[in-house]
Amino acid sequence: MSVVTVRNLPEETHRALKLRAAQHGRSTEAEIREILEEAVRPRTRVKIGSELAAFGQSFGGLILMILVIRRRLIRRCSNDRSGYGNVISSHETQRQSRRSNG
């Protein structure tokens, strides 16, 4: 574990930390660890993976479909010697031809 030293801490702050630690039934050092832990890793933090999953479920898995399509495009591009740009331009050509025929 790492060690952190805090220099020039005002005496008032140190007394307040001691009091707060006593109120929570902890040592001053344990109280400081708790304060720091909560400051940098709050329990109520947004967990991006969970939020994305919930978002995808609210749209019936739309996000998953987009990711699958994207993965297929990337695979197709990696197998295509002409590169990603040509896959996109081929897609655009197909769209334009559908517009002119339809």
Protein backbone atom coordinates (compact mmCIF):
# COMPACT_ATOMS: atom_id res chain seq x y z
CA MET A 1 0.00 0.00 0.00
CA SER A 2 1.05 3.54 -0.64
CA VAL A 3 1.88 6.06 2.04
CA VAL A 4 0.80 9.71 1.83
CA THR A 5 2.14 12.44 4.08
CA VAL A 6 0.16 15.66 4.51
CA ARG A 7 2.28 18.59 5.59
CA ASN A 8 1.16 21.95 6.94
CA LEU A 9 -2.30 20.76 7.94
CA PRO A 10 -3.91 23.46 10.08
CA GLU A 11 -4.40 22.45 13.71
CA GLU A 12 -8.13 23.21 13.45
CA THR A 13 -8.47 20.74 10.59
CA HIS A 14 -6.56 18.08 12.50
CA ARG A 15 -8.82 18.55 15.54
CA ALA A 16 -11.91 18.35 13.32
CA LEU A 17 -10.60 15.12 11.77
CA LYS A 18 -9.99 13.63 15.20
CA LEU A 19 -13.50 14.57 16.31
CA ARG A 20 -15.07 13.17 13.16
CA ALA A 21 -13.07 9.94 13.55
CA ALA A 22 -14.25 9.57 17.15
CA GLN A 23 -17.87 10.12 16.06
CA HIS A 24 -17.49 7.28 13.54
CA GLY A 25 -15.61 5.04 15.95
CA ARG A 26 -12.41 5.04 13.88
CA SER A 27 -8.85 6.17 14.24
CA THR A 28 -7.91 9.48 12.67
CA GLU A 29 -5.91 7.63 10.02
CA ALA A 30 -8.85 5.35 9.18
CA GLU A 31 -11.14 8.38 8.95
CA ILE A 32 -8.76 10.13 6.55
CA ARG A 33 -8.63 6.97 4.41
CA GLU A 34 -12.44 6.86 4.33
CA ILE A 35 -12.69 10.53 3.37
CA LEU A 36 -10.14 10.12 0.58
CA GLU A 37 -11.75 6.91 -0.69
CA GLU A 38 -15.18 8.53 -0.85
CA ALA A 39 -13.76 11.61 -2.57
CA VAL A 40 -12.08 9.75 -5.41
CA ARG A 41 -14.31 6.67 -5.65
CA PRO A 42 -17.80 7.64 -4.50
CA ARG A 43 -20.25 4.80 -3.88
CA THR A 44 -22.83 6.62 -5.98
CA ARG A 45 -20.53 6.95 -9.00
CA VAL A 46 -21.94 6.23 -12.42
CA LYS A 47 -20.82 2.83 -13.66
CA ILE A 48 -20.56 3.34 -17.42
CA GLY A 49 -21.00 -0.32 -18.35
CA SER A 50 -24.20 -0.64 -16.35
CA GLU A 51 -25.52 2.63 -17.73
CA LEU A 52 -24.84 1.58 -21.32
CA ALA A 53 -26.53 -1.78 -20.77
CA ALA A 54 -29.61 -0.11 -19.29
CA PHE A 55 -29.67 2.38 -22.15
CA GLY A 56 -29.46 -0.44 -24.71
CA GLN A 57 -32.26 -2.35 -23.00
CA SER A 58 -34.48 0.73 -23.04
CA PHE A 59 -34.17 0.76 -26.84
CA GLY A 60 -34.64 -2.97 -27.24
CA GLY A 61 -30.99 -3.76 -27.81
CA LEU A 62 -30.38 -1.07 -30.43
CA ILE A 63 -26.91 -0.38 -29.09
CA LEU A 64 -26.00 -4.05 -29.34
CA MET A 65 -27.17 -4.12 -32.95
CA ILE A 66 -25.04 -1.10 -33.79
CA LEU A 67 -21.99 -2.68 -32.18
CA VAL A 68 -22.54 -5.95 -34.05
CA ILE A 69 -22.89 -4.13 -37.37
CA ARG A 70 -19.79 -2.07 -36.62
CA ARG A 71 -17.82 -5.22 -35.76
CA ARG A 72 -18.92 -6.84 -39.04
CA LEU A 73 -17.87 -3.77 -40.98
CA ILE A 74 -14.47 -3.78 -39.31
CA ARG A 75 -14.02 -7.48 -40.07
CA ARG A 76 -15.03 -6.95 -43.67
CA CYS A 77 -12.57 -4.07 -43.95
CA SER A 78 -9.73 -6.08 -42.44
CA ASN A 79 -10.35 -8.80 -45.05
CA ASP A 80 -10.68 -6.28 -47.86
CA ARG A 81 -7.33 -5.24 -49.31
CA SER A 82 -8.73 -1.93 -50.49
CA GLY A 83 -9.33 -0.69 -46.92
CA TYR A 84 -12.08 0.82 -44.87
CA GLY A 85 -12.67 3.86 -47.07
CA ASN A 86 -13.60 1.72 -50.04
CA VAL A 87 -16.15 -0.23 -48.00
CA ILE A 88 -17.78 3.03 -47.01
CA SER A 89 -17.70 4.40 -50.55
CA SER A 90 -19.16 1.10 -51.82
CA HIS A 91 -21.97 1.50 -49.29
CA GLU A 92 -22.56 5.07 -50.46
CA THR A 93 -22.61 3.90 -54.11
CA GLN A 94 -25.27 1.30 -53.24
CA ARG A 95 -27.38 3.97 -51.50
CA GLN A 96 -27.11 6.32 -54.47
CA SER A 97 -28.04 3.57 -56.93
CA ARG A 98 -31.10 2.68 -54.81
CA ARG A 99 -32.16 6.34 -54.82
CA SER A 100 -31.88 6.65 -58.59
CA ASN A 101 -33.69 3.33 -59.21
CA GLY A 102 -36.41 3.94 -56.63
